[in-house]
Amino acid sequence: MFDGEIIAFFLNFIIDSFQNTIQAFIWPAKIAQLAPPFGAISLGLAFWLFPIYVKKHIESWMFADDAEKPAADEPPETN
């Protein structure tokens, strides 16, 4: 009925996931090789400056609803 479409789908999914994992670990080396001293310097600056200037803004944008909810270890407010 399916002629192996389900098996092919799962195999393609596994192979694509593995390739994405490998590329996620390799991309910093590719950037550092683009322009030998400047690629490594810019990558180091990006890793250093991202948590200082960008991460807080992204987290506040992504998790805006979490600020309104009480934390799990805090009791809810009673009026």
Protein backbone atom coordinates (compact mmCIF):
# COMPACT_ATOMS: atom_id res chain seq x y z
CA MET A 1 0.00 0.00 0.00
CA PHE A 2 2.64 2.57 1.03
CA ASP A 3 5.54 1.02 -0.94
CA GLY A 4 7.99 1.82 1.86
CA GLU A 5 7.07 5.50 2.11
CA ILE A 6 6.85 5.37 5.89
CA ILE A 7 10.24 3.71 6.22
CA ALA A 8 11.77 6.19 3.75
CA PHE A 9 10.25 9.09 5.68
CA PHE A 10 11.73 7.93 8.99
CA LEU A 11 15.12 7.20 7.42
CA ASN A 12 15.20 10.66 5.81
CA PHE A 13 14.19 12.21 9.13
CA ILE A 14 16.98 10.42 10.99
CA ILE A 15 19.59 11.26 8.35
CA ASP A 16 18.54 14.93 8.21
CA SER A 17 18.58 15.19 12.00
CA PHE A 18 22.07 13.70 12.13
CA GLN A 19 23.32 16.09 9.43
CA ASN A 20 21.84 19.09 11.25
CA THR A 21 23.50 18.00 14.50
CA ILE A 22 26.89 17.72 12.83
CA GLN A 23 26.49 21.10 11.11
CA ALA A 24 25.49 22.71 14.42
CA PHE A 25 28.84 21.68 15.89
CA ILE A 26 30.88 22.61 12.80
CA TRP A 27 29.57 26.11 11.96
CA PRO A 28 31.95 28.01 14.28
CA ALA A 29 34.94 26.43 12.53
CA LYS A 30 33.53 27.40 9.13
CA ILE A 31 33.15 31.01 10.24
CA ALA A 32 36.66 31.09 11.69
CA GLN A 33 38.06 29.82 8.36
CA LEU A 34 36.36 32.52 6.24
CA ALA A 35 39.00 35.16 7.02
CA PRO A 36 41.66 33.56 9.21
CA PRO A 37 42.36 36.15 11.91
CA PHE A 38 39.17 38.18 11.55
CA GLY A 39 36.80 35.19 11.41
CA ALA A 40 38.03 33.87 14.75
CA ILE A 41 38.08 37.34 16.29
CA SER A 42 34.53 38.13 15.17
CA LEU A 43 33.31 34.74 16.38
CA GLY A 44 34.92 35.33 19.77
CA LEU A 45 33.39 38.79 20.00
CA ALA A 46 29.97 37.41 19.08
CA PHE A 47 30.18 34.74 21.79
CA TRP A 48 31.30 37.33 24.31
CA LEU A 49 28.84 40.12 23.42
CA PHE A 50 25.71 38.06 22.73
CA PRO A 51 24.90 37.23 26.39
CA ILE A 52 25.62 40.80 27.45
CA TYR A 53 23.56 42.75 24.91
CA VAL A 54 21.22 40.47 22.98
CA LYS A 55 20.21 37.48 25.12
CA LYS A 56 18.17 39.45 27.68
CA HIS A 57 16.08 41.11 24.96
CA ILE A 58 15.41 37.82 23.17
CA GLU A 59 14.44 36.07 26.42
CA SER A 60 12.10 38.89 27.43
CA TRP A 61 10.48 38.76 23.98
CA MET A 62 10.19 34.96 23.87
CA PHE A 63 9.12 34.41 27.47
CA ALA A 64 6.97 37.49 28.04
CA ASP A 65 4.11 35.36 29.37
CA ASP A 66 6.35 33.68 31.96
CA ALA A 67 6.97 36.96 33.78
CA GLU A 68 3.28 37.20 34.59
CA LYS A 69 3.09 33.68 36.07
CA PRO A 70 4.44 32.96 39.56
CA ALA A 71 7.45 30.65 39.76
CA ALA A 72 6.87 27.02 40.69
CA ASP A 73 8.50 27.39 44.11
CA GLU A 74 6.63 30.60 44.99
CA PRO A 75 3.15 30.40 46.50
CA PRO A 76 0.44 32.20 44.55
CA GLU A 77 -0.49 35.65 45.78
CA THR A 78 -3.64 35.92 47.86
CA ASN A 79 -5.55 39.15 48.30
